[in-house]
């Protein structure tokens, strides 16, 4: 058990989590930019095209019906909020991840605080949406916070030993 949580394994897990968070951050940035430029009608048409066959076969299909309903209920203001949220969330995460990847000591506590704030907000949003992906992202954030804390402690010990 002690070997599983050894510094080398924790460091490898930390680096893997940074790659995953970086990929999510880039996807959020791309989705945010897409949400700014796409029209609501385009989204409705796209969802119609995607769900048409499924709804023809099964008019009560849960996923297809949900997607169609969500697209039809999307307002311009909620679309702009979504775009802003995705862009800002993705850019902040990417900035933090680059700092962590470069082993900049000040980024570790900043990442822990900001990822914790993201979890709080995601919990708040979950209370309205009951979105499983939101829970999964929050769970990943909790793991990343833990790994960031262990990596921060290791880096501080390493830098302290190097100075003496």
C-alpha atoms as a PDB file:
ATOM      1  CA  UNK A   1       0.000   0.000   0.000  1.00  0.00           C
ATOM      2  CA  UNK A   2       2.854   2.351   0.865  1.00  0.00           C
ATOM      3  CA  UNK A   3       4.473   1.710  -2.528  1.00  0.00           C
ATOM      4  CA  UNK A   4       1.228   2.618  -4.287  1.00  0.00           C
ATOM      5  CA  UNK A   5       1.310   6.076  -2.731  1.00  0.00           C
ATOM      6  CA  UNK A   6       5.082   6.518  -3.112  1.00  0.00           C
ATOM      7  CA  UNK A   7       6.343   9.864  -4.379  1.00  0.00           C
ATOM      8  CA  UNK A   8       7.201   8.494  -7.809  1.00  0.00           C
ATOM      9  CA  UNK A   9       3.710   7.014  -8.346  1.00  0.00           C
ATOM     10  CA  UNK A  10       2.021  10.151  -7.030  1.00  0.00           C
ATOM     11  CA  UNK A  11       4.167  12.259  -9.375  1.00  0.00           C
ATOM     12  CA  UNK A  12       3.237  10.087 -12.373  1.00  0.00           C
ATOM     13  CA  UNK A  13      -0.462  10.269 -11.419  1.00  0.00           C
ATOM     14  CA  UNK A  14      -0.102  14.049 -11.034  1.00  0.00           C
ATOM     15  CA  UNK A  15       1.386  14.396 -14.515  1.00  0.00           C
ATOM     16  CA  UNK A  16      -1.341  12.189 -16.015  1.00  0.00           C
ATOM     17  CA  UNK A  17      -3.997  14.296 -14.276  1.00  0.00           C
ATOM     18  CA  UNK A  18      -2.415  17.451 -15.730  1.00  0.00           C
ATOM     19  CA  UNK A  19      -2.610  15.976 -19.222  1.00  0.00           C
ATOM     20  CA  UNK A  20      -6.279  15.060 -18.702  1.00  0.00           C
ATOM     21  CA  UNK A  21      -7.128  18.466 -17.207  1.00  0.00           C
ATOM     22  CA  UNK A  22      -5.223  20.144 -20.047  1.00  0.00           C
ATOM     23  CA  UNK A  23      -7.211  18.196 -22.625  1.00  0.00           C
ATOM     24  CA  UNK A  24     -10.464  19.166 -20.860  1.00  0.00           C
ATOM     25  CA  UNK A  25      -9.320  22.791 -20.722  1.00  0.00           C
ATOM     26  CA  UNK A  26      -8.584  22.844 -24.458  1.00  0.00           C
ATOM     27  CA  UNK A  27     -11.958  21.217 -25.173  1.00  0.00           C
ATOM     28  CA  UNK A  28     -13.682  23.850 -22.993  1.00  0.00           C
ATOM     29  CA  UNK A  29     -11.900  26.652 -24.830  1.00  0.00           C
ATOM     30  CA  UNK A  30     -12.893  25.205 -28.213  1.00  0.00           C
ATOM     31  CA  UNK A  31     -16.496  24.666 -27.066  1.00  0.00           C
ATOM     32  CA  UNK A  32     -16.627  28.191 -25.652  1.00  0.00           C
ATOM     33  CA  UNK A  33     -15.408  29.692 -28.920  1.00  0.00           C
ATOM     34  CA  UNK A  34     -17.894  27.515 -30.826  1.00  0.00           C
ATOM     35  CA  UNK A  35     -20.732  28.660 -28.544  1.00  0.00           C
ATOM     36  CA  UNK A  36     -19.894  32.311 -29.257  1.00  0.00           C
ATOM     37  CA  UNK A  37     -20.004  31.960 -33.038  1.00  0.00           C
ATOM     38  CA  UNK A  38     -22.833  29.475 -33.573  1.00  0.00           C
ATOM     39  CA  UNK A  39     -26.441  30.624 -33.784  1.00  0.00           C
ATOM     40  CA  UNK A  40     -29.246  29.122 -31.751  1.00  0.00           C
ATOM     41  CA  UNK A  41     -31.035  28.076 -34.945  1.00  0.00           C
ATOM     42  CA  UNK A  42     -27.917  26.257 -36.143  1.00  0.00           C
ATOM     43  CA  UNK A  43     -27.834  24.292 -32.866  1.00  0.00           C
ATOM     44  CA  UNK A  44     -31.516  23.391 -33.175  1.00  0.00           C
ATOM     45  CA  UNK A  45     -30.998  22.262 -36.789  1.00  0.00           C
ATOM     46  CA  UNK A  46     -27.919  20.256 -35.803  1.00  0.00           C
ATOM     47  CA  UNK A  47     -29.730  18.489 -32.953  1.00  0.00           C
ATOM     48  CA  UNK A  48     -32.699  17.800 -35.267  1.00  0.00           C
ATOM     49  CA  UNK A  49     -30.348  16.217 -37.790  1.00  0.00           C
ATOM     50  CA  UNK A  50     -28.606  14.130 -35.114  1.00  0.00           C
ATOM     51  CA  UNK A  51     -31.773  12.949 -33.369  1.00  0.00           C
ATOM     52  CA  UNK A  52     -34.169  12.615 -36.330  1.00  0.00           C
ATOM     53  CA  UNK A  53     -33.436   8.934 -37.027  1.00  0.00           C
ATOM     54  CA  UNK A  54     -33.503   7.936 -33.371  1.00  0.00           C
ATOM     55  CA  UNK A  55     -36.763   9.767 -32.682  1.00  0.00           C
ATOM     56  CA  UNK A  56     -38.335   8.238 -35.798  1.00  0.00           C
ATOM     57  CA  UNK A  57     -37.497   4.754 -34.481  1.00  0.00           C
ATOM     58  CA  UNK A  58     -38.395   5.548 -30.857  1.00  0.00           C
ATOM     59  CA  UNK A  59     -40.301   8.815 -30.276  1.00  0.00           C
ATOM     60  CA  UNK A  60     -39.759   8.445 -26.502  1.00  0.00           C
ATOM     61  CA  UNK A  61     -35.968   8.019 -26.669  1.00  0.00           C
ATOM     62  CA  UNK A  62     -34.734   9.694 -23.479  1.00  0.00           C
ATOM     63  CA  UNK A  63     -31.375  11.037 -24.714  1.00  0.00           C
ATOM     64  CA  UNK A  64     -32.602  12.260 -28.097  1.00  0.00           C
ATOM     65  CA  UNK A  65     -35.678  13.894 -26.536  1.00  0.00           C
ATOM     66  CA  UNK A  66     -33.529  15.577 -23.891  1.00  0.00           C
ATOM     67  CA  UNK A  67     -31.088  16.949 -26.500  1.00  0.00           C
ATOM     68  CA  UNK A  68     -33.901  18.270 -28.668  1.00  0.00           C
ATOM     69  CA  UNK A  69     -35.688  19.871 -25.722  1.00  0.00           C
ATOM     70  CA  UNK A  70     -32.437  21.439 -24.440  1.00  0.00           C
ATOM     71  CA  UNK A  71     -31.635  22.913 -27.868  1.00  0.00           C
ATOM     72  CA  UNK A  72     -35.111  24.373 -28.250  1.00  0.00           C
ATOM     73  CA  UNK A  73     -34.997  25.938 -24.770  1.00  0.00           C
ATOM     74  CA  UNK A  74     -31.580  27.522 -25.294  1.00  0.00           C
ATOM     75  CA  UNK A  75     -31.754  31.298 -25.105  1.00  0.00           C
ATOM     76  CA  UNK A  76     -29.167  33.695 -26.497  1.00  0.00           C
ATOM     77  CA  UNK A  77     -28.284  34.892 -22.989  1.00  0.00           C
ATOM     78  CA  UNK A  78     -27.765  31.342 -21.697  1.00  0.00           C
ATOM     79  CA  UNK A  79     -25.722  30.575 -24.806  1.00  0.00           C
ATOM     80  CA  UNK A  80     -23.507  33.612 -24.154  1.00  0.00           C
ATOM     81  CA  UNK A  81     -23.152  32.679 -20.480  1.00  0.00           C
ATOM     82  CA  UNK A  82     -22.195  29.145 -21.474  1.00  0.00           C
ATOM     83  CA  UNK A  83     -19.636  30.469 -23.955  1.00  0.00           C
ATOM     84  CA  UNK A  84     -18.175  32.867 -21.386  1.00  0.00           C
ATOM     85  CA  UNK A  85     -18.087  30.186 -18.686  1.00  0.00           C
ATOM     86  CA  UNK A  86     -16.429  27.597 -20.907  1.00  0.00           C
ATOM     87  CA  UNK A  87     -13.855  30.054 -22.268  1.00  0.00           C
ATOM     88  CA  UNK A  88     -12.941  31.559 -18.898  1.00  0.00           C
ATOM     89  CA  UNK A  89     -12.949  28.198 -17.100  1.00  0.00           C
ATOM     90  CA  UNK A  90     -10.803  26.618 -19.817  1.00  0.00           C
ATOM     91  CA  UNK A  91      -8.332  29.522 -19.993  1.00  0.00           C
ATOM     92  CA  UNK A  92      -7.908  29.687 -16.209  1.00  0.00           C
ATOM     93  CA  UNK A  93      -7.373  25.928 -15.995  1.00  0.00           C
ATOM     94  CA  UNK A  94      -4.907  25.980 -18.884  1.00  0.00           C
ATOM     95  CA  UNK A  95      -2.959  28.839 -17.276  1.00  0.00           C
ATOM     96  CA  UNK A  96      -2.789  26.913 -13.981  1.00  0.00           C
ATOM     97  CA  UNK A  97      -1.824  23.657 -15.669  1.00  0.00           C
ATOM     98  CA  UNK A  98       1.021  25.324 -17.567  1.00  0.00           C
ATOM     99  CA  UNK A  99       2.305  26.807 -14.297  1.00  0.00           C
ATOM    100  CA  UNK A 100       2.056  23.439 -12.553  1.00  0.00           C
ATOM    101  CA  UNK A 101       3.720  21.656 -15.453  1.00  0.00           C
ATOM    102  CA  UNK A 102       6.610  24.151 -15.219  1.00  0.00           C
ATOM    103  CA  UNK A 103       6.798  23.436 -11.445  1.00  0.00           C
ATOM    104  CA  UNK A 104       6.216  27.064 -10.436  1.00  0.00           C
ATOM    105  CA  UNK A 105       5.719  26.900  -6.659  1.00  0.00           C
ATOM    106  CA  UNK A 106       3.135  29.711  -6.420  1.00  0.00           C
ATOM    107  CA  UNK A 107       0.810  27.941  -8.853  1.00  0.00           C
ATOM    108  CA  UNK A 108       0.200  24.988  -6.523  1.00  0.00           C
ATOM    109  CA  UNK A 109      -1.784  26.826  -3.807  1.00  0.00           C
ATOM    110  CA  UNK A 110      -3.470  28.947  -6.495  1.00  0.00           C
ATOM    111  CA  UNK A 111      -4.548  25.781  -8.336  1.00  0.00           C
ATOM    112  CA  UNK A 112      -5.856  24.195  -5.147  1.00  0.00           C
ATOM    113  CA  UNK A 113      -7.917  27.291  -4.305  1.00  0.00           C
ATOM    114  CA  UNK A 114      -9.270  27.815  -7.832  1.00  0.00           C
ATOM    115  CA  UNK A 115     -10.059  24.137  -8.429  1.00  0.00           C
ATOM    116  CA  UNK A 116     -11.865  24.125  -5.057  1.00  0.00           C
ATOM    117  CA  UNK A 117     -13.904  27.153  -6.151  1.00  0.00           C
ATOM    118  CA  UNK A 118     -14.731  25.363  -9.409  1.00  0.00           C
ATOM    119  CA  UNK A 119     -15.950  22.354  -7.392  1.00  0.00           C
ATOM    120  CA  UNK A 120     -18.155  24.601  -5.254  1.00  0.00           C
ATOM    121  CA  UNK A 121     -19.661  26.205  -8.342  1.00  0.00           C
ATOM    122  CA  UNK A 122     -20.101  22.837 -10.045  1.00  0.00           C
ATOM    123  CA  UNK A 123     -21.882  21.575  -6.908  1.00  0.00           C
ATOM    124  CA  UNK A 124     -24.153  24.593  -7.054  1.00  0.00           C
ATOM    125  CA  UNK A 125     -24.893  23.966 -10.744  1.00  0.00           C
ATOM    126  CA  UNK A 126     -25.451  20.261 -10.020  1.00  0.00           C
ATOM    127  CA  UNK A 127     -28.219  21.186  -7.586  1.00  0.00           C
ATOM    128  CA  UNK A 128     -30.126  22.545 -10.610  1.00  0.00           C
ATOM    129  CA  UNK A 129     -29.050  20.254 -13.434  1.00  0.00           C
ATOM    130  CA  UNK A 130     -28.323  16.868 -11.791  1.00  0.00           C
ATOM    131  CA  UNK A 131     -25.752  16.423 -14.555  1.00  0.00           C
ATOM    132  CA  UNK A 132     -23.625  13.279 -14.255  1.00  0.00           C
ATOM    133  CA  UNK A 133     -20.749  14.786 -16.307  1.00  0.00           C
ATOM    134  CA  UNK A 134     -20.626  17.656 -13.798  1.00  0.00           C
ATOM    135  CA  UNK A 135     -20.165  15.139 -10.975  1.00  0.00           C
ATOM    136  CA  UNK A 136     -17.447  13.320 -12.911  1.00  0.00           C
ATOM    137  CA  UNK A 137     -15.579  16.565 -13.611  1.00  0.00           C
ATOM    138  CA  UNK A 138     -15.856  17.493  -9.930  1.00  0.00           C
ATOM    139  CA  UNK A 139     -14.529  14.066  -8.907  1.00  0.00           C
ATOM    140  CA  UNK A 140     -11.561  14.539 -11.247  1.00  0.00           C
ATOM    141  CA  UNK A 141     -11.000  17.985  -9.724  1.00  0.00           C
ATOM    142  CA  UNK A 142     -10.935  16.454  -6.214  1.00  0.00           C
ATOM    143  CA  UNK A 143      -8.305  13.927  -7.342  1.00  0.00           C
ATOM    144  CA  UNK A 144      -6.266  16.684  -9.012  1.00  0.00           C
ATOM    145  CA  UNK A 145      -6.428  18.810  -5.828  1.00  0.00           C
ATOM    146  CA  UNK A 146      -5.141  15.891  -3.762  1.00  0.00           C
ATOM    147  CA  UNK A 147      -2.362  15.128  -6.227  1.00  0.00           C
ATOM    148  CA  UNK A 148      -1.477  18.831  -6.442  1.00  0.00           C
ATOM    149  CA  UNK A 149      -1.204  18.999  -2.649  1.00  0.00           C
ATOM    150  CA  UNK A 150       1.130  15.970  -2.510  1.00  0.00           C
ATOM    151  CA  UNK A 151       3.210  17.287  -5.415  1.00  0.00           C
ATOM    152  CA  UNK A 152       3.428  20.724  -3.739  1.00  0.00           C
ATOM    153  CA  UNK A 153       4.677  19.157  -0.498  1.00  0.00           C
ATOM    154  CA  UNK A 154       7.245  17.114  -2.412  1.00  0.00           C
ATOM    155  CA  UNK A 155       8.438  20.128  -4.413  1.00  0.00           C
ATOM    156  CA  UNK A 156       8.767  22.268  -1.274  1.00  0.00           C
ATOM    157  CA  UNK A 157      10.835  19.524   0.450  1.00  0.00           C
ATOM    158  CA  UNK A 158      12.982  19.138  -2.655  1.00  0.00           C
ATOM    159  CA  UNK A 159      13.644  22.893  -2.921  1.00  0.00           C
ATOM    160  CA  UNK A 160      14.295  23.156   0.824  1.00  0.00           C
ATOM    161  CA  UNK A 161      16.825  20.290   0.710  1.00  0.00           C
ATOM    162  CA  UNK A 162      18.527  21.806  -2.311  1.00  0.00           C
ATOM    163  CA  UNK A 163      19.081  25.105  -0.483  1.00  0.00           C
ATOM    164  CA  UNK A 164      20.740  23.462   2.513  1.00  0.00           C
END
